[in-house]
Amino acid sequence: MRKALIIGIDHYADDQVPDLSGCVNDAYSVKQVLERHADGTMNFRTPKLLVASSGESAISKRELKDAVTELFDDDAEVALLYFSGHGHLESTGGYVCASDSVWGDDGLPLADIMTLANNSKARNKVVILDSCHSGAVGESTVVTSVSEIREGVTILTASAANQASMITPGGGSSVFTELFVDALNGAAANLLGAVTPGSVYAHVDQSLGPWKQRPVFKTNVKAFVSLREADPPIELEHLKAVTTHFPTPDHQLALDPSYEPERSAEQIADPDVPDPDPAHTAAFAVLQKLVRVNLVRPVDAPHMWHAAMGSKSCELTVLGQHYWKLVDSELI
């Protein structure tokens, strides 16, 4: 069972806490992408969505805490919390603000969220916060620069403890959530199509650069869980072919013109150029797919066509050698 609680709060009742404009839309975007994998199969079944766009749909602190408590109160395979709204930080710790927050410190304490996640029996607890100062989550209130995260917990936040969360230019949507959704849609997928918390962070981190808000990633897991399965960039059977064409990771596969079906009129008429061999051209088509995902490269040739027509060779890249070892060890 995979559970997700998705919260977006635009409406705040008190004038001292200004309304927001993009959190509800961000919550709907996250819900839509998490519900199903790219192939249409169910991922997080019926994510619970709490959104506050007006006074009629306001979310109180009590409702917020009850929903988070319910999320982490069982042994799900994955329990994922996403929150988008105001955040608050003071010397006693950080908070996420409900619709009835007035001062900020009357919101839901980040420490309460961490207590619920740390004590949960769910195998994987994922906390994603898109709010100002959200990077303070998990930090000890007693020991500076120390995080208290139990095994199975992963945290991803939009910004560091001392930073605000950015919105997109000209709109109210969050830069972080936009990148998060892009990552889940496949921008952060590995060659199997799996999108993990680690790959999501890498995508967000690289996209924001050093001078913008800095996302925060904290985790205590033995292995990353996949948050969503995107369309893989290469078929599994072709990925596993690395060990068929390359008996060892450092093997160089000799090529010749019989691998390449495309040739000029002069080459077709040249009796010294062998005709295309169906078995070789089929293998060459797979090799070219491996080139496109940076697993294979031609040796001493600019392209695979030149390698074949020049009777040169191809070899595995460093990434290709990594996947060769995974396939050889039956980890794929």
Protein backbone atom coordinates (compact mmCIF):
# COMPACT_ATOMS: atom_id res chain seq x y z
CA MET A 1 0.00 0.00 0.00
CA ARG A 2 1.28 3.43 -0.98
CA LYS A 3 -0.35 6.40 0.77
CA ALA A 4 -0.01 10.08 -0.06
CA LEU A 5 -1.33 13.14 1.73
CA ILE A 6 -1.16 16.25 -0.46
CA ILE A 7 -1.86 19.65 1.07
CA GLY A 8 -2.07 23.06 -0.59
CA ILE A 9 -3.10 26.18 1.33
CA ASP A 10 -3.72 29.50 -0.45
CA HIS A 11 -6.25 30.92 2.01
CA TYR A 12 -5.23 32.37 5.37
CA ALA A 13 -7.91 33.91 7.58
CA ASP A 14 -5.88 36.62 9.31
CA ASP A 15 -4.57 39.68 7.49
CA GLN A 16 -1.20 39.26 9.18
CA VAL A 17 -0.69 36.09 7.14
CA PRO A 18 -1.17 37.02 3.47
CA ASP A 19 -3.00 34.71 1.09
CA LEU A 20 -1.00 32.77 -1.48
CA SER A 21 -2.01 32.06 -5.07
CA GLY A 22 -0.30 28.91 -6.36
CA CYS A 23 -0.25 26.34 -3.56
CA VAL A 24 -3.63 24.78 -4.39
CA ASN A 25 -2.73 24.43 -8.07
CA ASP A 26 0.62 22.92 -7.07
CA ALA A 27 -1.15 20.39 -4.85
CA TYR A 28 -3.42 19.33 -7.72
CA SER A 29 -0.38 18.96 -10.00
CA VAL A 30 1.38 16.74 -7.48
CA LYS A 31 -1.74 14.62 -6.96
CA GLN A 32 -2.19 14.12 -10.69
CA VAL A 33 1.37 12.97 -11.31
CA LEU A 34 1.54 10.70 -8.25
CA GLU A 35 -1.74 8.86 -8.84
CA ARG A 36 -0.50 6.72 -11.73
CA HIS A 37 2.72 5.55 -13.30
CA ALA A 38 3.52 6.60 -16.86
CA ASP A 39 2.01 3.37 -18.24
CA GLY A 40 -1.33 4.14 -16.57
CA THR A 41 -1.08 1.62 -13.73
CA MET A 42 -1.96 2.74 -10.20
CA ASN A 43 0.81 4.27 -8.09
CA PHE A 44 -0.48 6.08 -4.99
CA ARG A 45 -4.07 4.86 -4.84
CA THR A 46 -6.50 7.74 -4.24
CA PRO A 47 -4.13 10.28 -2.68
CA LYS A 48 -5.80 12.32 0.06
CA LEU A 49 -6.03 15.93 -1.07
CA LEU A 50 -6.55 18.83 1.32
CA VAL A 51 -6.73 22.26 -0.33
CA ALA A 52 -7.76 25.65 1.02
CA SER A 53 -8.58 28.18 -1.69
CA SER A 54 -11.12 30.23 0.30
CA GLY A 55 -12.74 30.55 3.70
CA GLU A 56 -15.20 27.79 2.84
CA SER A 57 -12.37 25.28 2.40
CA ALA A 58 -10.06 26.58 5.16
CA ILE A 59 -7.82 24.01 6.84
CA SER A 60 -7.36 24.40 10.58
CA LYS A 61 -4.29 23.35 12.52
CA ARG A 62 -6.38 20.57 14.11
CA GLU A 63 -7.40 19.23 10.68
CA LEU A 64 -3.81 19.49 9.46
CA LYS A 65 -2.38 17.55 12.39
CA ASP A 66 -5.12 14.91 12.27
CA ALA A 67 -4.47 14.30 8.57
CA VAL A 68 -0.70 13.97 9.06
CA THR A 69 -1.28 11.67 12.04
CA GLU A 70 -3.57 9.44 9.97
CA LEU A 71 -1.03 9.31 7.11
CA PHE A 72 1.75 7.92 9.28
CA ASP A 73 -0.48 5.75 11.48
CA ASP A 74 -0.04 2.36 9.77
CA ASP A 75 2.49 0.08 8.08
CA ALA A 76 2.17 1.26 4.47
CA GLU A 77 4.96 0.54 2.00
CA VAL A 78 5.25 4.29 1.39
CA ALA A 79 3.69 7.16 3.34
CA LEU A 80 4.30 10.43 1.50
CA LEU A 81 3.48 13.91 2.78
CA TYR A 82 3.50 16.93 0.47
CA PHE A 83 2.76 20.39 1.87
CA SER A 84 2.63 23.71 0.03
CA GLY A 85 1.84 26.87 1.96
CA HIS A 86 3.31 29.34 4.41
CA GLY A 87 6.15 28.35 6.71
CA HIS A 88 7.47 30.01 9.85
CA LEU A 89 10.75 29.81 11.77
CA GLU A 90 11.77 31.09 15.19
CA SER A 91 14.25 30.12 17.90
CA THR A 92 12.02 27.31 19.18
CA GLY A 93 11.75 25.66 15.77
CA GLY A 94 9.87 25.70 12.47
CA TYR A 95 6.19 25.44 11.57
CA VAL A 96 3.90 24.94 8.58
CA CYS A 97 0.96 27.30 8.74
CA ALA A 98 -2.68 26.25 8.63
CA SER A 99 -5.44 28.57 7.42
CA ASP A 100 -6.15 29.70 10.98
CA SER A 101 -2.54 30.67 11.72
CA VAL A 102 -2.04 34.24 12.94
CA TRP A 103 1.50 34.38 14.28
CA GLY A 104 3.15 31.47 12.51
CA ASP A 105 4.12 29.67 15.70
CA ASP A 106 0.46 28.64 16.06
CA GLY A 107 0.86 26.37 13.02
CA LEU A 108 1.83 22.69 12.99
CA PRO A 109 5.37 22.34 14.36
CA LEU A 110 7.89 20.65 12.09
CA ALA A 111 8.97 18.75 15.19
CA ASP A 112 5.49 17.18 15.39
CA ILE A 113 5.68 16.10 11.75
CA MET A 114 9.07 14.50 12.39
CA THR A 115 7.84 12.74 15.53
CA LEU A 116 4.93 11.24 13.60
CA ALA A 117 7.20 10.21 10.71
CA ASN A 118 9.97 8.85 12.93
CA ASN A 119 7.52 6.77 14.98
CA SER A 120 5.55 5.50 11.97
CA LYS A 121 5.56 1.79 11.14
CA ALA A 122 5.44 2.60 7.42
CA ARG A 123 8.51 1.18 5.68
CA ASN A 124 9.28 4.40 3.79
CA LYS A 125 8.32 7.83 5.12
CA VAL A 126 8.77 10.67 2.63
CA VAL A 127 8.26 14.30 3.74
CA ILE A 128 8.20 16.95 0.99
CA LEU A 129 7.73 20.54 2.11
CA ASP A 130 7.37 23.51 -0.23
CA SER A 131 7.27 26.34 2.29
CA CYS A 132 9.58 29.05 3.55
CA HIS A 133 12.20 27.88 6.06
CA SER A 134 11.20 24.24 5.48
CA GLY A 135 14.83 23.12 5.57
CA ALA A 136 14.62 23.31 9.37
CA VAL A 137 12.59 20.09 9.45
CA GLY A 138 14.40 17.29 11.22
CA GLU A 139 16.89 19.61 12.91
CA SER A 140 17.51 19.11 16.59
CA THR A 141 16.31 21.99 18.75
CA VAL A 142 19.05 21.15 21.27
CA VAL A 143 22.17 20.41 19.20
CA THR A 144 23.02 22.83 16.37
CA SER A 145 23.43 21.42 12.83
CA VAL A 146 22.27 17.94 13.86
CA SER A 147 19.31 16.20 12.25
CA GLU A 148 17.24 13.57 14.02
CA ILE A 149 15.99 11.17 11.35
CA ARG A 150 15.18 7.53 12.03
CA GLU A 151 15.66 4.74 9.53
CA GLY A 152 13.23 4.80 6.64
CA VAL A 153 12.69 8.58 6.65
CA THR A 154 13.49 10.87 3.72
CA ILE A 155 13.04 14.64 3.67
CA LEU A 156 13.05 16.94 0.65
CA THR A 157 12.38 20.65 1.10
CA ALA A 158 12.15 23.63 -1.22
CA SER A 159 14.67 25.75 0.65
CA ALA A 160 17.09 25.94 3.53
CA ALA A 161 16.00 26.94 7.02
CA ASN A 162 16.98 30.58 6.45
CA GLN A 163 15.40 30.91 2.99
CA ALA A 164 12.04 31.68 1.44
CA SER A 165 10.45 29.46 -1.21
CA MET A 166 10.55 31.01 -4.69
CA ILE A 167 7.61 31.37 -7.06
CA THR A 168 7.80 31.33 -10.85
CA PRO A 169 8.19 34.76 -12.55
CA GLY A 170 4.80 36.28 -13.33
CA GLY A 171 2.84 33.63 -11.49
CA GLY A 172 2.11 32.18 -8.09
CA SER A 173 3.29 28.64 -8.72
CA SER A 174 6.31 27.34 -6.89
CA VAL A 175 9.64 26.89 -8.66
CA PHE A 176 10.37 23.88 -6.46
CA THR A 177 7.08 22.09 -7.13
CA GLU A 178 7.35 22.76 -10.85
CA LEU A 179 10.74 21.03 -10.83
CA PHE A 180 9.40 18.27 -8.55
CA VAL A 181 6.56 17.48 -10.97
CA ASP A 182 8.98 17.57 -13.94
CA ALA A 183 11.21 15.10 -12.11
CA LEU A 184 8.29 12.73 -11.45
CA ASN A 185 7.24 12.98 -15.10
CA GLY A 186 10.58 11.52 -16.14
CA ALA A 187 13.21 14.24 -15.95
CA ALA A 188 14.77 12.43 -12.97
CA ALA A 189 14.16 8.85 -14.12
CA ASN A 190 16.97 6.31 -14.40
CA LEU A 191 17.28 3.96 -17.38
CA LEU A 192 14.64 1.69 -15.86
CA GLY A 193 12.22 4.59 -15.55
CA ALA A 194 12.34 4.72 -11.74
CA VAL A 195 12.17 8.14 -10.09
CA THR A 196 13.63 8.07 -6.57
CA PRO A 197 13.87 10.78 -3.90
CA GLY A 198 17.60 10.98 -4.56
CA SER A 199 17.18 11.52 -8.28
CA VAL A 200 14.44 14.11 -7.64
CA TYR A 201 16.79 16.05 -5.39
CA ALA A 202 19.60 15.86 -7.95
CA HIS A 203 17.26 17.26 -10.63
CA VAL A 204 16.00 20.11 -8.42
CA ASP A 205 19.49 20.89 -7.11
CA GLN A 206 21.02 21.07 -10.60
CA SER A 207 18.15 23.13 -11.98
CA LEU A 208 18.25 25.82 -9.31
CA GLY A 209 21.98 26.53 -9.42
CA PRO A 210 24.17 27.97 -6.63
CA TRP A 211 22.65 31.46 -6.38
CA LYS A 212 18.99 30.62 -5.93
CA GLN A 213 17.12 28.92 -3.12
CA ARG A 214 18.85 25.74 -2.06
CA PRO A 215 16.75 22.61 -1.70
CA VAL A 216 17.50 20.42 1.31
CA PHE A 217 17.72 16.64 1.23
CA LYS A 218 17.99 14.47 4.34
CA THR A 219 17.60 10.72 4.45
CA ASN A 220 18.25 7.63 6.52
CA VAL A 221 17.48 4.70 4.25
CA LYS A 222 19.27 1.55 3.12
CA ALA A 223 17.79 1.80 -0.38
CA PHE A 224 15.71 4.40 -2.19
CA VAL A 225 12.10 3.60 -2.94
CA SER A 226 10.73 4.59 -6.35
CA LEU A 227 8.19 7.39 -6.11
CA ARG A 228 6.95 6.85 -9.66
CA GLU A 229 7.74 4.79 -12.75
CA ALA A 230 8.22 7.00 -15.81
CA ASP A 231 8.66 5.83 -19.40
CA PRO A 232 12.16 4.29 -19.57
CA PRO A 233 14.40 5.79 -22.28
CA ILE A 234 15.37 2.32 -23.49
CA GLU A 235 13.62 -1.05 -23.56
CA LEU A 236 14.65 -3.43 -20.77
CA GLU A 237 15.63 -6.19 -23.23
CA HIS A 238 17.98 -3.78 -25.01
CA LEU A 239 19.44 -2.55 -21.73
CA LYS A 240 20.18 -6.12 -20.68
CA ALA A 241 21.90 -6.71 -24.03
CA VAL A 242 25.02 -4.97 -22.72
CA THR A 243 26.27 -8.30 -21.39
CA THR A 244 25.41 -10.06 -24.66
CA HIS A 245 27.45 -7.74 -26.87
CA PHE A 246 30.18 -7.08 -24.33
CA PRO A 247 31.41 -10.24 -22.53
CA THR A 248 33.45 -8.08 -20.14
CA PRO A 249 33.03 -4.43 -19.08
CA ASP A 250 36.22 -3.38 -20.88
CA HIS A 251 35.59 -5.37 -24.06
CA GLN A 252 35.86 -3.56 -27.40
CA LEU A 253 33.37 -4.90 -29.93
CA ALA A 254 34.91 -5.01 -33.42
CA LEU A 255 32.69 -3.59 -36.16
CA ASP A 256 32.81 -3.69 -39.95
CA PRO A 257 30.60 -2.48 -42.83
CA SER A 258 28.33 -5.54 -42.53
CA TYR A 259 26.84 -3.93 -39.39
CA GLU A 260 25.69 -0.78 -41.20
CA PRO A 261 22.73 -1.02 -43.65
CA GLU A 262 23.10 2.59 -44.79
CA ARG A 263 25.84 3.24 -47.35
CA SER A 264 26.51 5.42 -50.40
CA ALA A 265 26.10 4.31 -54.03
CA GLU A 266 29.87 4.09 -54.33
CA GLN A 267 30.09 1.83 -51.30
CA ILE A 268 27.30 -0.39 -52.61
CA ALA A 269 29.20 -0.80 -55.91
CA ASP A 270 32.56 -1.43 -54.18
CA PRO A 271 33.22 -5.21 -54.13
CA ASP A 272 35.56 -4.75 -51.14
CA VAL A 273 32.72 -3.46 -48.95
CA PRO A 274 30.76 -6.42 -47.54
CA ASP A 275 26.96 -6.46 -47.83
CA PRO A 276 24.89 -5.81 -44.73
CA ASP A 277 24.43 -8.91 -42.58
CA PRO A 278 20.91 -9.17 -41.07
CA ALA A 279 22.20 -10.46 -37.73
CA HIS A 280 24.84 -7.75 -37.57
CA THR A 281 22.45 -4.94 -38.53
CA ALA A 282 19.97 -6.09 -35.87
CA ALA A 283 22.73 -6.00 -33.27
CA PHE A 284 23.90 -2.63 -34.59
CA ALA A 285 20.40 -1.16 -34.13
CA VAL A 286 20.51 -2.16 -30.45
CA LEU A 287 24.03 -0.75 -30.07
CA GLN A 288 22.86 2.57 -31.47
CA LYS A 289 20.05 2.66 -28.87
CA LEU A 290 22.67 2.07 -26.19
CA VAL A 291 24.69 4.96 -27.63
CA ARG A 292 21.69 7.28 -27.32
CA VAL A 293 21.48 6.65 -23.56
CA ASN A 294 25.25 7.06 -23.11
CA LEU A 295 26.04 3.40 -22.42
CA VAL A 296 28.11 2.76 -25.56
CA ARG A 297 30.46 4.93 -27.62
CA PRO A 298 32.44 4.44 -30.85
CA VAL A 299 36.22 4.11 -30.55
CA ASP A 300 38.36 6.44 -32.67
CA ALA A 301 35.35 7.51 -34.71
CA PRO A 302 32.91 10.45 -34.43
CA HIS A 303 29.80 8.30 -34.90
CA MET A 304 28.80 4.65 -34.96
CA TRP A 305 28.33 4.82 -38.75
CA HIS A 306 31.98 5.81 -39.18
CA ALA A 307 33.05 3.10 -36.73
CA ALA A 308 31.24 0.43 -38.75
CA MET A 309 32.23 1.64 -42.21
CA GLY A 310 35.82 2.17 -41.03
CA SER A 311 36.02 -1.29 -39.40
CA LYS A 312 36.71 0.17 -36.00
CA SER A 313 35.05 -0.76 -32.70
CA CYS A 314 32.78 0.40 -29.91
CA GLU A 315 33.01 0.11 -26.13
CA LEU A 316 31.03 0.68 -22.95
CA THR A 317 31.15 4.10 -21.31
CA VAL A 318 31.73 4.37 -17.57
CA LEU A 319 27.94 4.47 -17.13
CA GLY A 320 27.66 1.50 -19.46
CA GLN A 321 30.13 -0.48 -17.35
CA HIS A 322 28.03 0.33 -14.28
CA TYR A 323 24.89 -1.04 -15.90
CA TRP A 324 26.86 -4.04 -17.22
CA LYS A 325 27.71 -4.95 -13.63
CA LEU A 326 24.07 -4.52 -12.57
CA VAL A 327 22.86 -6.80 -15.35
CA ASP A 328 25.64 -9.33 -14.77
CA SER A 329 24.81 -9.44 -11.04
CA GLU A 330 21.10 -9.92 -11.85
CA LEU A 331 20.26 -6.66 -10.08
CA ILE A 332 18.35 -5.65 -13.22
